[in-house]
């Protein structure tokens, strides 16, 4: 009964998903409660608006993936099904992570909730779940098992298994990307080169899955069961299109996340401080009384430069210099 798939259908063919809507609404309400609490407790330092926007955008991606036309057609078109999966595992989780919900909870809560939240973040279970090798293995398993094994056929037939798969994708994506782009108070702190290496190493998982699907036959698990609408084309063509979505789309999104990491690296003021800190420390250790204050920039203007040259002249046993040159 669905019309041919297209941009218009994505915007108009919405479906009811009460569990998804309820879960997203609850997450949004709790997050906004935290934002209001922080604003009341720290009026001079409210929660950053851009982080709120990132978190709500992540929830919006989940709604679009599961309730819009993309969700309505996921049982008809395999390549639309793949778009949905990429949105759930590679788009929504990074946005949610940038919202820093755990940090917001710690800032907004009071005891005993605050203490319990800290204990949970520092627990062995959370430490293991956020361990980068575990996130890597979980991401690789989710992509391969969900699309290249008999589980793909099960989720195509059973709606409960299909819904559980959607939830698993969001959770796995969150756990994998948390130490990569997040700044939550978890145990693991990866350097920027390590973050880029992790994304580079996991990219072949998407490539491999996409290539296998792109050259597969119609008997490959995962194709929607039952008769296909005439406008949907052949099952094999649909399967190959899904492989292309995973290959090109997955690698493209991973490359975009690499660019985000590069940008975070370039704008990280702590790294800039580490690069220049030793030079500043050496200069301050050298400048003795009589030279400009270490709290000022000795190159800021001609007067300070002249004073610094005079100090250097005294150190050399000569006469103080008169000018800045």
Protein backbone atom coordinates (compact mmCIF):
# COMPACT_ATOMS: atom_id res chain seq x y z
CA UNK A 1 0.00 0.00 0.00
CA UNK A 2 2.98 2.31 0.25
CA UNK A 3 3.63 4.67 -2.67
CA UNK A 4 6.99 4.60 -4.47
CA UNK A 5 9.84 5.56 -2.19
CA UNK A 6 11.22 9.06 -2.52
CA UNK A 7 11.95 12.28 -0.64
CA UNK A 8 8.27 13.13 -0.51
CA UNK A 9 7.45 9.72 0.94
CA UNK A 10 10.10 10.18 3.64
CA UNK A 11 8.34 13.38 4.72
CA UNK A 12 4.75 12.16 4.47
CA UNK A 13 4.72 8.42 5.25
CA UNK A 14 5.17 8.58 9.01
CA UNK A 15 4.32 5.62 11.22
CA UNK A 16 3.32 5.37 14.87
CA UNK A 17 5.98 3.89 17.16
CA UNK A 18 4.73 4.48 20.72
CA UNK A 19 7.70 2.85 22.44
CA UNK A 20 10.20 4.92 20.43
CA UNK A 21 8.32 8.16 20.96
CA UNK A 22 7.93 7.49 24.69
CA UNK A 23 11.62 6.66 25.11
CA UNK A 24 12.78 9.71 23.17
CA UNK A 25 10.35 12.00 25.02
CA UNK A 26 11.57 10.67 28.39
CA UNK A 27 15.22 11.19 27.42
CA UNK A 28 14.51 14.74 26.22
CA UNK A 29 12.55 15.59 29.38
CA UNK A 30 15.29 14.30 31.70
CA UNK A 31 17.97 16.16 29.76
CA UNK A 32 16.04 19.44 29.81
CA UNK A 33 15.38 18.94 33.52
CA UNK A 34 19.13 18.79 34.00
CA UNK A 35 19.64 21.93 31.93
CA UNK A 36 17.11 23.83 34.06
CA UNK A 37 18.69 22.54 37.29
CA UNK A 38 22.15 23.66 36.23
CA UNK A 39 20.82 27.09 35.24
CA UNK A 40 19.22 27.52 38.66
CA UNK A 41 22.25 26.32 40.60
CA UNK A 42 24.83 28.14 38.50
CA UNK A 43 23.19 31.20 36.92
CA UNK A 44 26.55 32.60 35.81
CA UNK A 45 27.55 29.31 34.13
CA UNK A 46 24.48 27.80 32.45
CA UNK A 47 24.71 24.57 30.50
CA UNK A 48 26.03 25.28 26.96
CA UNK A 49 23.17 25.70 24.53
CA UNK A 50 25.07 24.00 21.74
CA UNK A 51 25.37 20.80 23.78
CA UNK A 52 21.62 20.81 24.37
CA UNK A 53 21.12 21.26 20.63
CA UNK A 54 23.44 18.31 19.88
CA UNK A 55 21.61 15.99 22.25
CA UNK A 56 18.17 16.94 20.96
CA UNK A 57 19.44 16.57 17.39
CA UNK A 58 20.57 13.02 18.22
CA UNK A 59 17.10 12.21 19.52
CA UNK A 60 15.59 13.75 16.39
CA UNK A 61 17.73 11.48 14.23
CA UNK A 62 16.33 8.46 16.09
CA UNK A 63 12.77 9.67 15.47
CA UNK A 64 13.42 10.28 11.77
CA UNK A 65 15.12 6.90 11.36
CA UNK A 66 12.30 4.93 13.01
CA UNK A 67 9.09 6.94 12.58
CA UNK A 68 9.42 8.84 9.29
CA UNK A 69 9.22 7.34 5.81
CA UNK A 70 12.66 5.82 6.40
CA UNK A 71 11.16 3.66 9.13
CA UNK A 72 7.98 2.97 7.16
CA UNK A 73 9.92 1.53 4.22
CA UNK A 74 12.55 -0.45 6.16
CA UNK A 75 10.51 -3.66 5.69
CA UNK A 76 10.18 -3.05 1.95
CA UNK A 77 13.55 -1.76 0.72
CA UNK A 78 16.81 -3.25 1.92
CA UNK A 79 18.85 -0.19 0.97
CA UNK A 80 16.49 2.03 2.99
CA UNK A 81 16.99 -0.44 5.85
CA UNK A 82 20.75 0.19 5.57
CA UNK A 83 20.28 3.96 5.66
CA UNK A 84 18.29 3.49 8.84
CA UNK A 85 21.05 1.41 10.41
CA UNK A 86 23.72 3.99 9.59
CA UNK A 87 21.60 6.72 11.14
CA UNK A 88 21.16 4.69 14.33
CA UNK A 89 24.77 3.55 14.79
CA UNK A 90 26.84 6.35 13.21
CA UNK A 91 24.79 9.57 13.28
CA UNK A 92 22.61 9.58 16.39
CA UNK A 93 25.21 8.30 18.93
CA UNK A 94 27.90 10.94 18.21
CA UNK A 95 25.30 13.69 18.54
CA UNK A 96 24.07 12.27 21.84
CA UNK A 97 27.66 11.98 23.08
CA UNK A 98 28.40 15.62 22.23
CA UNK A 99 25.46 16.52 24.45
CA UNK A 100 27.41 15.13 27.46
CA UNK A 101 24.40 13.69 29.31
CA UNK A 102 26.52 12.05 32.02
CA UNK A 103 28.35 15.27 32.86
CA UNK A 104 25.02 17.10 32.89
CA UNK A 105 23.63 14.55 35.33
CA UNK A 106 26.59 15.02 37.67
CA UNK A 107 26.22 18.81 37.57
CA UNK A 108 22.46 18.81 38.01
CA UNK A 109 22.03 16.10 40.65
CA UNK A 110 22.45 16.15 44.40
CA UNK A 111 23.02 13.37 46.90
CA UNK A 112 22.17 10.58 46.98
CA UNK A 113 21.68 10.59 43.18
CA UNK A 114 24.98 12.39 42.61
CA UNK A 115 26.95 9.83 44.61
CA UNK A 116 25.23 6.93 42.91
CA UNK A 117 25.92 8.41 39.49
CA UNK A 118 29.62 8.82 40.30
CA UNK A 119 29.86 5.27 41.57
CA UNK A 120 28.16 3.97 38.44
CA UNK A 121 30.54 5.88 36.15
CA UNK A 122 33.54 4.51 38.05
CA UNK A 123 32.22 0.96 38.32
CA UNK A 124 33.97 -2.00 36.74
CA UNK A 125 31.01 -2.65 34.46
CA UNK A 126 31.07 0.86 32.97
CA UNK A 127 34.85 0.78 32.75
CA UNK A 128 34.67 -2.42 30.72
CA UNK A 129 31.77 -1.29 28.52
CA UNK A 130 33.58 1.95 27.64
CA UNK A 131 36.93 0.19 27.05
CA UNK A 132 37.89 1.09 23.45
CA UNK A 133 38.73 -2.51 22.38
CA UNK A 134 35.32 -3.66 23.62
CA UNK A 135 33.59 -0.87 21.71
CA UNK A 136 35.56 -1.77 18.60
CA UNK A 137 34.60 -5.46 18.87
CA UNK A 138 30.95 -4.63 19.59
CA UNK A 139 30.74 -2.29 16.59
CA UNK A 140 32.35 -4.82 14.24
CA UNK A 141 30.10 -7.62 15.51
CA UNK A 142 26.97 -5.50 15.21
CA UNK A 143 27.68 -4.56 11.59
CA UNK A 144 28.71 -8.03 10.42
CA UNK A 145 26.27 -10.17 12.41
CA UNK A 146 23.26 -7.96 11.73
CA UNK A 147 23.77 -8.03 7.95
CA UNK A 148 25.67 -11.16 6.97
CA UNK A 149 24.26 -13.90 9.23
CA UNK A 150 20.94 -15.61 9.84
CA UNK A 151 20.12 -12.85 12.35
CA UNK A 152 19.40 -10.60 9.38
CA UNK A 153 16.63 -12.95 8.27
CA UNK A 154 15.24 -13.15 11.80
CA UNK A 155 14.99 -9.38 12.19
CA UNK A 156 13.35 -9.18 8.76
CA UNK A 157 10.59 -11.56 9.90
CA UNK A 158 10.17 -10.77 13.60
CA UNK A 159 9.22 -7.23 14.63
CA UNK A 160 10.37 -7.67 18.24
CA UNK A 161 13.82 -8.77 17.07
CA UNK A 162 13.84 -5.86 14.64
CA UNK A 163 13.09 -3.35 17.41
CA UNK A 164 15.77 -4.91 19.64
CA UNK A 165 18.25 -4.55 16.78
CA UNK A 166 17.49 -0.82 16.54
CA UNK A 167 18.12 -0.34 20.25
CA UNK A 168 21.33 -2.37 20.07
CA UNK A 169 22.64 -0.23 17.24
CA UNK A 170 22.17 2.98 19.24
CA UNK A 171 23.79 1.48 22.35
CA UNK A 172 26.72 -0.05 20.46
CA UNK A 173 27.31 3.17 18.56
CA UNK A 174 27.27 5.13 21.81
CA UNK A 175 29.77 2.81 23.50
CA UNK A 176 32.12 2.81 20.51
CA UNK A 177 32.14 6.54 19.85
CA UNK A 178 32.13 7.66 23.52
CA UNK A 179 35.94 7.43 24.07
CA UNK A 180 36.53 8.67 20.51
CA UNK A 181 34.65 11.97 20.45
CA UNK A 182 33.32 12.27 23.99
CA UNK A 183 34.65 14.08 27.04
CA UNK A 184 32.63 12.37 29.73
CA UNK A 185 34.29 11.49 33.09
CA UNK A 186 35.02 7.88 32.14
CA UNK A 187 38.31 6.15 32.84
CA UNK A 188 39.61 6.00 29.29
CA UNK A 189 41.37 9.00 27.76
CA UNK A 190 42.57 8.48 24.20
CA UNK A 191 45.03 10.75 22.48
CA UNK A 192 43.89 12.30 19.22
CA UNK A 193 46.16 10.06 17.11
CA UNK A 194 44.70 7.01 18.91
CA UNK A 195 41.17 8.22 18.20
CA UNK A 196 41.94 8.63 14.51
CA UNK A 197 43.62 5.22 14.41
CA UNK A 198 40.55 3.59 15.98
CA UNK A 199 38.25 5.09 13.34
CA UNK A 200 40.67 4.13 10.59
CA UNK A 201 40.87 0.53 11.82
CA UNK A 202 37.10 0.08 12.11
CA UNK A 203 36.37 1.53 8.66
CA UNK A 204 37.17 -1.74 6.83
CA UNK A 205 34.28 -3.39 8.71
CA UNK A 206 31.81 -1.18 6.83
CA UNK A 207 33.75 -1.64 3.60
CA UNK A 208 33.84 -5.43 3.91
CA UNK A 209 30.14 -5.68 4.71
CA UNK A 210 29.23 -3.38 1.86
CA UNK A 211 31.38 -5.31 -0.64
CA UNK A 212 29.91 -8.67 0.41
CA UNK A 213 26.37 -7.35 0.03
CA UNK A 214 27.22 -5.61 -3.20
CA UNK A 215 28.24 -8.88 -4.85
CA UNK A 216 25.77 -11.16 -3.10
CA UNK A 217 23.00 -13.25 -4.63
CA UNK A 218 19.34 -13.00 -3.81
CA UNK A 219 19.64 -15.79 -1.24
CA UNK A 220 21.67 -13.60 1.12
CA UNK A 221 19.95 -13.08 4.52
CA UNK A 222 18.33 -9.77 5.20
CA UNK A 223 16.05 -9.17 2.22
CA UNK A 224 12.52 -8.25 3.33
CA UNK A 225 10.23 -11.33 3.09
CA UNK A 226 7.09 -11.52 1.01
CA UNK A 227 6.19 -10.08 -2.39
CA UNK A 228 7.85 -6.87 -3.49
CA UNK A 229 6.01 -3.87 -4.96
CA UNK A 230 6.57 -3.41 -8.68
CA UNK A 231 8.24 -0.05 -8.11
CA UNK A 232 10.81 -1.61 -5.71
CA UNK A 233 12.67 -3.51 -8.45
CA UNK A 234 14.36 -6.87 -8.03
CA UNK A 235 15.59 -8.19 -4.72
CA UNK A 236 19.14 -8.63 -6.00
CA UNK A 237 19.33 -5.03 -7.20
CA UNK A 238 17.96 -3.90 -3.83
CA UNK A 239 20.57 -6.00 -2.05
CA UNK A 240 23.39 -4.51 -4.12
CA UNK A 241 22.10 -0.99 -3.49
CA UNK A 242 22.13 -1.73 0.23
CA UNK A 243 25.74 -2.86 -0.04
CA UNK A 244 26.62 0.40 -1.77
CA UNK A 245 24.91 2.37 1.00
CA UNK A 246 26.93 0.53 3.65
CA UNK A 247 30.19 0.84 1.74
CA UNK A 248 30.00 4.43 0.51
CA UNK A 249 27.77 5.82 3.24
CA UNK A 250 29.54 4.06 6.10
CA UNK A 251 33.00 5.05 4.94
CA UNK A 252 31.83 8.58 4.19
CA UNK A 253 30.39 9.04 7.67
CA UNK A 254 33.52 7.59 9.25
CA UNK A 255 35.66 10.00 7.25
CA UNK A 256 33.45 12.90 8.38
CA UNK A 257 33.98 11.84 12.00
CA UNK A 258 37.72 11.79 11.36
CA UNK A 259 37.44 15.41 10.22
CA UNK A 260 35.62 16.21 13.47
CA UNK A 261 38.50 14.66 15.43
CA UNK A 262 41.02 16.71 13.41
CA UNK A 263 39.04 19.85 14.19
CA UNK A 264 38.88 18.98 17.91
CA UNK A 265 42.63 18.35 17.89
CA UNK A 266 43.38 21.67 16.17
CA UNK A 267 41.17 23.68 18.53
CA UNK A 268 42.11 21.94 21.78
CA UNK A 269 43.60 24.70 23.94
CA UNK A 270 45.13 22.15 26.31
CA UNK A 271 47.27 20.76 23.49
CA UNK A 272 48.31 24.28 22.55
CA UNK A 273 49.29 24.91 26.17
CA UNK A 274 51.35 21.72 26.24
CA UNK A 275 53.13 22.70 23.05
CA UNK A 276 54.07 26.18 24.30
CA UNK A 277 54.22 25.55 28.03
CA UNK A 278 57.85 24.47 28.13
CA UNK A 279 58.94 27.58 26.19
CA UNK A 280 56.96 29.89 28.44
CA UNK A 281 58.31 28.15 31.55
CA UNK A 282 61.89 28.52 30.32
CA UNK A 283 61.37 32.19 29.57
CA UNK A 284 59.84 32.91 32.96
CA UNK A 285 62.65 31.05 34.70
CA UNK A 286 65.19 33.19 32.83
CA UNK A 287 63.60 36.57 33.47
CA UNK A 288 64.87 37.79 36.87
CA UNK A 289 63.85 40.89 38.87
CA UNK A 290 64.39 43.95 36.79
CA UNK A 291 62.93 42.37 33.73
CA UNK A 292 59.28 42.64 32.78
CA UNK A 293 56.77 40.80 34.91
CA UNK A 294 56.28 37.18 33.81
CA UNK A 295 52.57 37.84 33.73
CA UNK A 296 53.00 40.23 30.80
CA UNK A 297 54.08 39.52 27.27
CA UNK A 298 57.65 40.77 26.91
CA UNK A 299 57.09 41.34 23.19
CA UNK A 300 53.86 43.26 23.65
CA UNK A 301 55.19 46.76 22.94
CA UNK A 302 58.41 48.72 22.47
CA UNK A 303 58.75 49.75 26.12
CA UNK A 304 58.66 46.18 27.39
CA UNK A 305 61.05 45.07 24.67
CA UNK A 306 63.48 47.85 25.59
CA UNK A 307 63.37 46.78 29.24
CA UNK A 308 64.03 43.19 28.29
CA UNK A 309 67.00 44.20 26.11
CA UNK A 310 68.37 46.22 29.01
CA UNK A 311 68.15 43.15 31.22
CA UNK A 312 70.00 41.05 28.66
CA UNK A 313 72.69 43.74 28.44
CA UNK A 314 73.21 43.64 32.22
CA UNK A 315 73.54 39.88 32.11
CA UNK A 316 76.28 40.25 29.47
CA UNK A 317 78.18 42.81 31.48
CA UNK A 318 77.46 45.65 29.10
CA UNK A 319 75.45 48.81 29.40
CA UNK A 320 71.68 48.86 29.23
CA UNK A 321 70.36 49.27 25.75
CA UNK A 322 68.53 52.52 25.03
CA UNK A 323 66.15 51.33 22.32
CA UNK A 324 64.08 48.41 21.38
CA UNK A 325 66.37 47.26 18.60
